[in-house]
Amino acid sequence: MGMGRAGPSRAACTEPQRRTSLAAVCLLASLGPLLGSEITCRRLITASENLEGFQFMTMRAVEERAVKLQFACWDGDGQLQTPCRIQKCTTDFVSLTSHLNSALQSFDLEFCKALRAYSACTYRNSKACRGNLVYHSAVLGISDLMSQRNCSKDGPTLPSNPEEAHDPCNYSGHPEAREHQGGEKTAPPTYLFCGLFGDPHLRTFKDHFQTCKVEGAWPLIDNNYLSVQVTNVPVVAGSSATATNKITIIFKSYEDCTDQKVYQAVTDDLPAAFVDGTTSGGDGSTKSLRIVEKVSGKYVEMHARYIGTTVYIRQLGHYLTLAIRMPEEVVMDHKESQDLQLCVNGCPSSERIDDNGHLPLPVVGHLVPQRGSARPQSVYTLETATTKCHEKMLLKDLYFYSCVFDLLTTGDANFTAAAHSALQDVESLHPRKEHWHIFLNSEGGGVDKGNKFSVGLGLLCLILVVFL
């Protein structure tokens, strides 16, 4: 590509020629829409003064080349054609290097750190910037500069912006999560918890505890980033109680952090991979979305760093449980039409089994065989069910009472383990320890922030379960 030899440009650049290279031109070509010409030229000069062995080039040629490269990624209306963020990568690199002094002994070390950070930024944008000439020029320029400075590809990096360092695919550092206002950072994001287990018992993002029928497929979560749907089937013939035998999760495509990924678990098939066979989303080593198998066929975790979300799925007995932690702003980022979300708004009143948190005791002695079972399950009495649940849970909170309800309804001891594991998941994921346990109070079903008293089982005997 030819080098221009025209005369010096406007007064913005005080010297007609500077030692620079085509790589440096490419790195800064996308700054036009962000910086004035004087600032652009000054930073070109500053950067070029610290580089050795480059060919001569006039500032007018630099500006002409920059304009040509800008047209490659900007349309006629001045709007980006794609969500390519190469300009942000370039701006951050210039910001990190413009103050460096080549006379200092630490120059090479700091310059290489900035180059590695620049390289990492371009890598994260590789998909979004495919076909963008500025992007490909920057990649070549980085390689050229790293070779000239003997920079290793592996090593420490500098934050892209010292004032607001963030990884675009790490939610805790998203600009929208921690905005600068008056030079001070806002409070960290608020995290919420939702869980589903047993017959099924639902703990909503608002810490409301409900027991529901919800037979068939129901959405737990449906926002702009994530959809979670569960399918519930009757546990015992003649009872309104159901349990979860299928969970489907869709992680929606998000910028350059992950393509759409679908996960599906059914009874006796709890895979450690998405339906496409992969175990992670995101390019290379970023793994902004990944699956971790904790217990083969029984327990998996999913970590979506780009939206700050963690999901636990377990199989206990014949049924599945789910626990999830999400930032509040991610939870609430949905359209009005997406209002049917059990984790957000709870179960419809027509689907509730409990009465403001009070669980009715089923009529014992009328259990029928479960599907595929040769004989009826053993029948628990109120006393034996209470004793069994007390082995795992010492506090008589709603998890304890859910355990008793499930044992009396199904006769299946696996529901004891389900209630206990659900409480363990709360302790792992719920952000506020004082809200881990939910006790019955005058309002019912909410967090009792005051008295941590135990409610006698006699309170639960006031209502008999309604058999359909």
Protein backbone atom coordinates (compact mmCIF):
# COMPACT_ATOMS: atom_id res chain seq x y z
CA MET A 1 0.00 0.00 0.00
CA GLY A 2 1.59 3.27 -1.07
CA MET A 3 2.72 5.95 1.34
CA GLY A 4 1.55 9.52 0.73
CA ARG A 5 4.08 12.32 0.29
CA ALA A 6 1.74 15.30 0.30
CA GLY A 7 2.54 18.41 2.23
CA PRO A 8 1.85 18.85 5.92
CA SER A 9 -1.75 18.85 7.10
CA ARG A 10 -3.56 21.59 8.99
CA ALA A 11 -2.11 23.18 12.12
CA ALA A 12 -3.55 20.30 14.13
CA CYS A 13 -0.27 18.48 13.40
CA THR A 14 2.63 20.83 13.83
CA GLU A 15 5.29 18.72 12.10
CA PRO A 16 4.88 17.50 8.51
CA GLN A 17 6.41 14.10 8.98
CA ARG A 18 6.58 11.68 11.88
CA ARG A 19 8.20 8.29 12.20
CA THR A 20 5.27 5.94 12.06
CA SER A 21 4.06 2.79 10.29
CA LEU A 22 0.99 1.56 8.53
CA ALA A 23 0.26 -0.53 11.63
CA ALA A 24 0.02 2.60 13.76
CA VAL A 25 -2.26 4.19 11.18
CA CYS A 26 -4.55 1.18 11.23
CA LEU A 27 -4.66 1.14 15.02
CA LEU A 28 -5.88 4.72 15.18
CA ALA A 29 -7.98 4.90 12.02
CA SER A 30 -11.25 4.35 13.83
CA LEU A 31 -10.80 7.26 16.23
CA GLY A 32 -12.31 9.87 13.91
CA PRO A 33 -15.91 9.64 15.18
CA LEU A 34 -14.67 9.68 18.78
CA LEU A 35 -11.91 12.30 18.79
CA GLY A 36 -11.31 15.63 17.10
CA SER A 37 -8.64 15.81 14.38
CA GLU A 38 -6.21 17.66 16.64
CA ILE A 39 -6.47 15.03 19.37
CA THR A 40 -6.19 12.25 16.81
CA CYS A 41 -3.03 13.73 15.29
CA ARG A 42 -1.50 14.42 18.68
CA ARG A 43 -2.03 10.84 19.75
CA LEU A 44 -0.65 9.56 16.46
CA ILE A 45 2.46 11.63 17.04
CA THR A 46 2.79 10.52 20.67
CA ALA A 47 2.43 6.87 19.76
CA SER A 48 4.83 7.12 16.82
CA GLU A 49 7.56 8.76 18.89
CA ASN A 50 7.79 5.59 20.97
CA LEU A 51 8.19 3.24 18.00
CA GLU A 52 11.39 2.39 16.19
CA GLY A 53 12.22 1.31 12.64
CA PHE A 54 9.02 2.63 11.05
CA GLN A 55 8.71 4.20 7.62
CA PHE A 56 8.04 7.89 7.17
CA MET A 57 4.54 9.06 6.45
CA THR A 58 2.91 12.49 6.35
CA MET A 59 0.03 13.38 8.59
CA ARG A 60 -2.15 14.11 5.54
CA ALA A 61 -1.56 10.56 4.35
CA VAL A 62 -2.41 9.35 7.82
CA GLU A 63 -5.70 11.25 7.81
CA GLU A 64 -6.59 10.12 4.29
CA ARG A 65 -5.93 6.51 5.20
CA ALA A 66 -7.98 6.90 8.37
CA VAL A 67 -10.97 8.24 6.43
CA LYS A 68 -10.83 5.30 4.02
CA LEU A 69 -10.75 2.83 6.88
CA GLN A 70 -13.59 4.56 8.69
CA PHE A 71 -15.83 4.09 5.66
CA ALA A 72 -15.25 0.36 5.97
CA CYS A 73 -17.19 0.15 9.22
CA TRP A 74 -19.51 3.19 9.14
CA ASP A 75 -22.49 3.53 6.81
CA GLY A 76 -23.79 6.69 5.16
CA ASP A 77 -25.85 7.68 8.19
CA GLY A 78 -22.91 7.43 10.56
CA GLN A 79 -24.30 4.29 12.19
CA LEU A 80 -22.36 1.15 12.91
CA GLN A 81 -23.32 -1.64 10.57
CA THR A 82 -22.47 -4.31 13.19
CA PRO A 83 -21.88 -4.33 16.96
CA CYS A 84 -18.13 -4.42 16.29
CA ARG A 85 -16.26 -2.68 19.12
CA ILE A 86 -12.83 -2.36 17.55
CA GLN A 87 -12.92 1.40 18.05
CA LYS A 88 -13.27 0.92 21.81
CA CYS A 89 -10.32 -1.51 21.78
CA THR A 90 -8.23 1.02 19.86
CA THR A 91 -9.20 3.96 22.06
CA ASP A 92 -8.28 2.02 25.19
CA PHE A 93 -4.91 1.03 23.72
CA VAL A 94 -4.06 4.62 22.84
CA SER A 95 -5.13 5.74 26.31
CA LEU A 96 -2.85 3.18 27.92
CA THR A 97 0.21 3.97 25.80
CA SER A 98 0.06 7.70 25.08
CA HIS A 99 1.65 8.58 28.42
CA LEU A 100 4.48 6.02 28.23
CA ASN A 101 8.05 7.31 28.03
CA SER A 102 10.42 5.22 25.92
CA ALA A 103 13.36 6.51 27.96
CA LEU A 104 12.17 4.66 31.03
CA GLN A 105 13.37 1.14 31.72
CA SER A 106 9.80 -0.08 32.27
CA PHE A 107 8.60 1.08 28.84
CA ASP A 108 8.84 -2.27 27.05
CA LEU A 109 7.13 -4.12 29.89
CA GLU A 110 4.20 -1.70 30.07
CA PHE A 111 3.89 -1.41 26.31
CA CYS A 112 3.71 -5.20 25.96
CA LYS A 113 1.03 -5.36 28.66
CA ALA A 114 -1.04 -2.83 26.73
CA LEU A 115 -0.55 -4.76 23.49
CA ARG A 116 -1.71 -8.01 25.11
CA ALA A 117 -4.79 -6.24 26.46
CA TYR A 118 -5.44 -4.84 22.99
CA SER A 119 -5.00 -8.29 21.46
CA ALA A 120 -7.45 -9.81 23.98
CA CYS A 121 -9.99 -7.11 23.15
CA THR A 122 -9.75 -7.80 19.42
CA TYR A 123 -10.10 -11.52 20.06
CA ARG A 124 -13.33 -10.99 21.99
CA ASN A 125 -14.65 -9.04 19.01
CA SER A 126 -13.51 -11.51 16.35
CA LYS A 127 -17.02 -12.66 15.44
CA ALA A 128 -18.72 -9.29 15.52
CA CYS A 129 -15.90 -7.70 13.50
CA ARG A 130 -15.58 -10.40 10.85
CA GLY A 131 -15.12 -8.63 7.50
CA ASN A 132 -14.31 -5.27 9.12
CA LEU A 133 -11.15 -3.81 7.55
CA VAL A 134 -10.28 -1.74 10.60
CA TYR A 135 -10.44 -4.85 12.76
CA HIS A 136 -8.20 -6.92 10.46
CA SER A 137 -5.76 -4.03 10.12
CA ALA A 138 -5.61 -3.76 13.91
CA VAL A 139 -4.91 -7.49 14.27
CA LEU A 140 -2.02 -7.25 11.79
CA GLY A 141 -0.76 -4.10 13.46
CA ILE A 142 -0.75 -5.72 16.89
CA SER A 143 1.22 -8.69 15.56
CA ASP A 144 3.72 -6.31 13.97
CA LEU A 145 4.19 -4.29 17.14
CA MET A 146 4.51 -7.36 19.35
CA SER A 147 7.23 -8.75 17.06
CA GLN A 148 9.18 -5.49 17.07
CA ARG A 149 9.01 -5.21 20.84
CA ASN A 150 9.64 -8.91 21.44
CA CYS A 151 6.40 -9.17 23.39
CA SER A 152 5.29 -12.65 24.36
CA LYS A 153 1.66 -13.56 23.64
CA ASP A 154 1.19 -14.85 27.17
CA GLY A 155 1.75 -12.64 30.17
CA PRO A 156 0.23 -9.90 32.31
CA THR A 157 -2.07 -7.32 30.75
CA LEU A 158 -3.26 -3.85 31.63
CA PRO A 159 -6.95 -3.11 32.23
CA SER A 160 -8.50 -1.60 29.12
CA ASN A 161 -9.41 1.51 31.09
CA PRO A 162 -7.76 2.16 34.46
CA GLU A 163 -10.75 4.19 35.59
CA GLU A 164 -13.31 1.59 34.60
CA ALA A 165 -11.65 -1.76 34.02
CA HIS A 166 -14.07 -4.40 32.87
CA ASP A 167 -14.37 -7.62 30.95
CA PRO A 168 -17.28 -7.30 28.52
CA CYS A 169 -18.21 -10.93 29.18
CA ASN A 170 -18.04 -10.65 32.96
CA TYR A 171 -21.25 -9.20 34.38
CA SER A 172 -19.71 -7.85 37.58
CA GLY A 173 -17.73 -5.43 35.45
CA HIS A 174 -20.44 -4.31 33.01
CA PRO A 175 -20.59 -0.54 32.70
CA GLU A 176 -24.36 -0.67 33.17
CA ALA A 177 -23.86 -2.60 36.40
CA ARG A 178 -21.45 -0.11 37.96
CA GLU A 179 -21.84 3.29 36.40
CA HIS A 180 -19.76 6.25 37.36
CA GLN A 181 -21.75 9.10 38.75
CA GLY A 182 -19.90 12.15 39.99
CA GLY A 183 -16.66 10.16 39.98
CA GLU A 184 -18.00 7.60 42.46
CA LYS A 185 -19.08 4.04 41.83
CA THR A 186 -22.60 2.96 42.57
CA ALA A 187 -23.40 0.04 44.84
CA PRO A 188 -22.70 -3.44 43.44
CA PRO A 189 -25.60 -5.19 41.68
CA THR A 190 -28.32 -6.88 43.72
CA TYR A 191 -28.65 -10.63 43.25
CA LEU A 192 -31.88 -12.61 43.57
CA PHE A 193 -32.61 -16.30 44.13
CA CYS A 194 -35.30 -18.67 42.85
CA GLY A 195 -35.71 -22.38 43.54
CA LEU A 196 -38.07 -25.22 42.65
CA PHE A 197 -38.18 -28.65 44.27
CA GLY A 198 -40.51 -31.37 45.52
CA ASP A 199 -44.24 -31.42 44.81
CA PRO A 200 -43.34 -28.70 43.57
CA HIS A 201 -42.44 -26.00 46.07
CA LEU A 202 -41.48 -22.66 44.60
CA ARG A 203 -39.36 -19.94 46.16
CA THR A 204 -39.70 -16.81 44.04
CA PHE A 205 -37.19 -14.01 43.47
CA LYS A 206 -39.17 -12.05 46.07
CA ASP A 207 -38.59 -14.81 48.68
CA HIS A 208 -42.25 -15.84 48.58
CA PHE A 209 -42.71 -19.54 49.24
CA GLN A 210 -45.52 -21.34 47.42
CA THR A 211 -46.65 -24.89 46.72
CA CYS A 212 -48.33 -25.28 43.36
CA LYS A 213 -49.96 -27.76 41.01
CA VAL A 214 -48.72 -26.30 37.69
CA GLU A 215 -49.05 -29.57 35.80
CA GLY A 216 -47.49 -29.55 32.32
CA ALA A 217 -44.99 -27.04 30.91
CA TRP A 218 -44.56 -23.71 32.72
CA PRO A 219 -42.04 -20.86 32.37
CA LEU A 220 -39.99 -20.13 35.47
CA ILE A 221 -37.97 -17.36 33.80
CA ASP A 222 -38.37 -15.61 30.46
CA ASN A 223 -36.32 -12.44 29.99
CA ASN A 224 -34.12 -10.99 27.28
CA TYR A 225 -31.14 -13.15 28.24
CA LEU A 226 -32.48 -16.44 29.53
CA SER A 227 -35.53 -18.70 29.39
CA VAL A 228 -36.19 -21.54 31.84
CA GLN A 229 -39.15 -23.88 31.42
CA VAL A 230 -40.11 -26.82 33.62
CA THR A 231 -42.50 -29.69 32.94
CA ASN A 232 -44.35 -31.18 35.90
CA VAL A 233 -46.22 -34.47 36.07
CA PRO A 234 -48.59 -35.89 38.73
CA VAL A 235 -46.74 -37.67 41.51
CA VAL A 236 -49.60 -39.74 42.89
CA ALA A 237 -52.80 -40.54 41.04
CA GLY A 238 -55.76 -38.72 42.56
CA SER A 239 -53.66 -35.93 44.08
CA SER A 240 -53.11 -32.41 42.79
CA ALA A 241 -49.42 -32.59 43.70
CA THR A 242 -46.90 -32.74 40.83
CA ALA A 243 -43.12 -32.88 40.50
CA THR A 244 -40.63 -31.82 37.84
CA ASN A 245 -39.39 -34.38 35.31
CA LYS A 246 -38.04 -32.04 32.61
CA ILE A 247 -36.10 -28.75 32.59
CA THR A 248 -35.26 -26.74 29.47
CA ILE A 249 -32.94 -23.73 29.60
CA ILE A 250 -32.19 -21.40 26.69
CA PHE A 251 -29.21 -19.07 27.04
CA LYS A 252 -29.93 -16.47 24.39
CA SER A 253 -27.21 -15.16 22.09
CA TYR A 254 -25.42 -12.23 23.72
CA GLU A 255 -23.06 -10.02 21.72
CA ASP A 256 -19.69 -11.75 21.29
CA CYS A 257 -19.89 -13.58 24.63
CA THR A 258 -21.95 -16.60 23.53
CA ASP A 259 -24.10 -17.96 20.77
CA GLN A 260 -27.53 -19.32 21.73
CA LYS A 261 -27.17 -22.46 23.82
CA VAL A 262 -29.95 -24.86 24.79
CA TYR A 263 -29.78 -27.25 27.74
CA GLN A 264 -32.34 -29.95 28.44
CA ALA A 265 -32.59 -32.40 31.33
CA VAL A 266 -35.18 -35.11 31.82
CA THR A 267 -35.57 -37.81 34.44
CA ASP A 268 -32.64 -40.26 34.25
CA ASP A 269 -30.88 -38.07 31.68
CA LEU A 270 -29.03 -35.17 33.29
CA PRO A 271 -26.38 -34.37 30.65
CA ALA A 272 -23.16 -32.47 31.23
CA ALA A 273 -23.44 -30.72 27.84
CA PHE A 274 -25.77 -28.55 25.81
CA VAL A 275 -27.96 -30.16 23.18
CA ASP A 276 -25.33 -29.35 20.51
CA GLY A 277 -22.76 -31.42 22.42
CA THR A 278 -20.67 -28.48 23.63
CA THR A 279 -19.93 -27.74 27.28
CA SER A 280 -19.29 -24.02 27.03
CA GLY A 281 -20.16 -20.84 25.18
CA GLY A 282 -17.81 -18.08 24.14
CA ASP A 283 -14.59 -18.14 22.16
CA GLY A 284 -11.34 -19.72 23.23
CA SER A 285 -10.50 -19.63 26.90
CA THR A 286 -13.07 -16.98 27.86
CA LYS A 287 -15.80 -19.54 28.56
CA SER A 288 -18.34 -16.91 29.48
CA LEU A 289 -20.87 -19.77 29.69
CA ARG A 290 -19.97 -23.24 30.91
CA ILE A 291 -21.39 -26.45 32.36
CA VAL A 292 -19.71 -28.19 35.28
CA GLU A 293 -20.71 -31.75 36.17
CA LYS A 294 -20.51 -32.21 39.94
CA VAL A 295 -22.03 -35.70 40.26
CA SER A 296 -22.37 -37.79 37.12
CA GLY A 297 -25.99 -38.00 36.04
CA LYS A 298 -27.19 -36.40 39.29
CA TYR A 299 -25.93 -32.85 39.67
CA VAL A 300 -24.74 -30.17 37.21
CA GLU A 301 -24.01 -26.48 37.50
CA MET A 302 -24.17 -23.81 34.81
CA HIS A 303 -22.25 -20.57 35.11
CA ALA A 304 -23.09 -17.68 32.77
CA ARG A 305 -20.50 -15.02 33.63
CA TYR A 306 -21.75 -12.54 31.06
CA ILE A 307 -25.09 -12.18 32.90
CA GLY A 308 -23.83 -13.02 36.40
CA THR A 309 -26.06 -16.08 36.59
CA THR A 310 -25.56 -19.47 38.25
CA VAL A 311 -27.89 -22.48 37.85
CA TYR A 312 -27.94 -25.74 39.83
CA ILE A 313 -29.89 -28.77 38.57
CA ARG A 314 -30.16 -32.02 40.52
CA GLN A 315 -31.96 -35.32 40.16
CA LEU A 316 -33.14 -36.86 43.42
CA GLY A 317 -35.17 -40.02 43.04
CA HIS A 318 -37.35 -39.76 39.94
CA TYR A 319 -37.58 -35.96 39.85
CA LEU A 320 -35.52 -32.83 39.23
CA THR A 321 -34.79 -29.73 41.30
CA LEU A 322 -33.57 -26.32 40.18
CA ALA A 323 -31.94 -23.35 41.90
CA ILE A 324 -30.82 -20.13 40.22
CA ARG A 325 -29.18 -16.85 41.18
CA MET A 326 -29.46 -13.81 38.89
CA PRO A 327 -28.81 -10.05 39.11
CA GLU A 328 -32.00 -8.10 39.67
CA GLU A 329 -31.55 -5.95 36.57
CA VAL A 330 -31.21 -9.09 34.43
CA VAL A 331 -34.33 -10.58 36.04
CA MET A 332 -36.36 -7.46 35.31
CA ASP A 333 -35.12 -6.95 31.74
CA HIS A 334 -38.12 -8.40 29.94
CA LYS A 335 -41.09 -7.25 27.87
CA GLU A 336 -44.58 -6.77 29.31
CA SER A 337 -45.73 -9.76 27.28
CA GLN A 338 -43.28 -11.93 29.22
CA ASP A 339 -45.22 -11.60 32.47
CA LEU A 340 -45.91 -15.31 33.01
CA GLN A 341 -42.77 -16.16 34.97
CA LEU A 342 -43.23 -18.24 38.10
CA CYS A 343 -39.92 -17.11 39.58
CA VAL A 344 -40.92 -13.46 39.15
CA ASN A 345 -44.66 -13.40 39.86
CA GLY A 346 -45.31 -16.74 41.54
CA CYS A 347 -47.95 -19.29 40.61
CA PRO A 348 -51.42 -18.21 39.49
CA SER A 349 -53.87 -18.34 42.40
CA SER A 350 -55.80 -21.14 40.69
CA GLU A 351 -52.63 -23.27 40.76
CA ARG A 352 -51.81 -22.79 44.44
CA ILE A 353 -52.05 -25.70 46.87
CA ASP A 354 -50.88 -23.81 49.94
CA ASP A 355 -52.93 -21.18 51.72
CA ASN A 356 -50.63 -18.18 52.21
CA GLY A 357 -47.77 -20.50 53.06
CA HIS A 358 -49.83 -22.94 55.13
CA LEU A 359 -49.55 -26.42 53.68
CA PRO A 360 -52.56 -28.73 54.01
CA LEU A 361 -51.79 -32.21 55.25
CA PRO A 362 -52.86 -34.91 52.81
CA VAL A 363 -55.25 -37.63 53.89
CA VAL A 364 -52.90 -40.49 54.71
CA GLY A 365 -53.66 -44.11 54.02
CA HIS A 366 -54.97 -43.53 50.50
CA LEU A 367 -51.78 -43.72 48.49
CA VAL A 368 -51.91 -45.64 45.24
CA PRO A 369 -48.98 -47.21 43.37
CA GLN A 370 -46.74 -44.80 41.44
CA ARG A 371 -46.42 -45.38 37.76
CA GLY A 372 -44.11 -48.32 37.19
CA SER A 373 -44.30 -49.42 40.82
CA ALA A 374 -45.45 -52.95 41.62
CA ARG A 375 -46.95 -52.03 44.97
CA PRO A 376 -47.97 -48.92 46.92
CA GLN A 377 -45.28 -46.90 48.61
CA SER A 378 -45.00 -47.29 52.38
CA VAL A 379 -47.26 -44.86 54.20
CA TYR A 380 -45.75 -42.33 56.57
CA THR A 381 -47.67 -41.12 59.56
CA LEU A 382 -47.43 -37.54 60.71
CA GLU A 383 -45.07 -38.65 63.47
CA THR A 384 -42.77 -40.75 61.28
CA ALA A 385 -42.70 -38.13 58.54
CA THR A 386 -41.77 -35.47 61.09
CA THR A 387 -39.02 -37.66 62.49
CA LYS A 388 -37.66 -38.44 59.02
CA CYS A 389 -37.50 -34.80 57.99
CA HIS A 390 -35.98 -33.78 61.31
CA GLU A 391 -33.01 -36.02 60.56
CA LYS A 392 -31.96 -33.65 57.77
CA MET A 393 -33.42 -30.31 58.84
CA LEU A 394 -33.26 -29.11 62.43
CA LEU A 395 -35.15 -25.85 61.97
CA LYS A 396 -38.88 -26.10 61.41
CA ASP A 397 -39.03 -23.68 58.53
CA LEU A 398 -41.02 -24.04 55.31
CA TYR A 399 -38.43 -26.41 53.87
CA PHE A 400 -39.05 -28.72 56.82
CA TYR A 401 -42.84 -28.53 56.42
CA SER A 402 -42.48 -29.10 52.67
CA CYS A 403 -40.56 -32.27 53.45
CA VAL A 404 -43.36 -33.49 55.74
CA PHE A 405 -46.00 -32.65 53.15
CA ASP A 406 -44.12 -34.50 50.42
CA LEU A 407 -43.58 -37.62 52.52
CA LEU A 408 -47.25 -37.78 53.49
CA THR A 409 -48.30 -37.18 49.89
CA THR A 410 -45.95 -39.59 48.11
CA GLY A 411 -44.38 -41.92 50.65
CA ASP A 412 -41.12 -41.38 48.72
CA ALA A 413 -38.13 -40.75 51.00
CA ASN A 414 -36.25 -39.13 48.11
CA PHE A 415 -38.34 -36.01 48.68
CA THR A 416 -36.58 -35.62 52.03
CA ALA A 417 -33.27 -35.42 50.21
CA ALA A 418 -34.82 -32.98 47.72
CA ALA A 419 -35.92 -30.58 50.45
CA HIS A 420 -32.54 -30.82 52.17
CA SER A 421 -30.63 -30.21 48.91
CA ALA A 422 -32.91 -27.27 48.09
CA LEU A 423 -31.98 -25.69 51.41
CA GLN A 424 -28.30 -26.33 50.74
CA ASP A 425 -28.64 -24.60 47.37
CA VAL A 426 -30.19 -21.61 49.13
CA GLU A 427 -27.18 -21.43 51.42
CA SER A 428 -24.85 -21.57 48.41
CA LEU A 429 -26.64 -19.10 46.14
CA HIS A 430 -28.91 -16.80 48.16
CA PRO A 431 -27.05 -13.52 48.76
CA ARG A 432 -28.58 -12.76 52.18
CA LYS A 433 -27.94 -15.21 54.98
CA GLU A 434 -30.65 -13.73 57.19
CA HIS A 435 -33.21 -14.77 54.56
CA TRP A 436 -32.08 -18.36 54.04
CA HIS A 437 -34.82 -19.79 56.24
CA ILE A 438 -38.45 -18.84 55.67
CA PHE A 439 -40.86 -19.18 58.57
CA LEU A 440 -44.62 -18.83 58.61
CA ASN A 441 -45.76 -15.41 59.79
CA SER A 442 -48.96 -13.46 59.91
CA GLU A 443 -48.70 -12.62 56.22
CA GLY A 444 -47.80 -16.16 55.26
CA GLY A 445 -45.24 -17.46 52.87
CA GLY A 446 -42.80 -14.56 53.15
CA VAL A 447 -39.55 -14.06 54.98
CA ASP A 448 -40.03 -13.63 58.70
CA LYS A 449 -37.38 -11.02 59.43
CA GLY A 450 -38.17 -10.90 63.11
CA ASN A 451 -39.10 -13.90 65.20
CA LYS A 452 -37.37 -17.13 64.25
CA PHE A 453 -39.99 -19.25 65.97
CA SER A 454 -41.13 -22.74 65.04
CA VAL A 455 -44.72 -23.26 64.09
CA GLY A 456 -46.36 -26.41 65.41
CA LEU A 457 -47.60 -28.99 62.99
CA GLY A 458 -51.05 -28.61 64.44
CA LEU A 459 -51.30 -25.37 62.49
CA LEU A 460 -50.99 -27.36 59.30
CA CYS A 461 -53.81 -29.74 60.19
CA LEU A 462 -56.48 -27.07 59.79
CA ILE A 463 -56.97 -27.85 56.10
CA LEU A 464 -57.37 -31.18 54.30
CA VAL A 465 -55.93 -31.51 50.86
CA VAL A 466 -58.39 -31.31 48.02
CA PHE A 467 -58.19 -34.40 45.81
CA LEU A 468 -59.12 -33.91 42.22
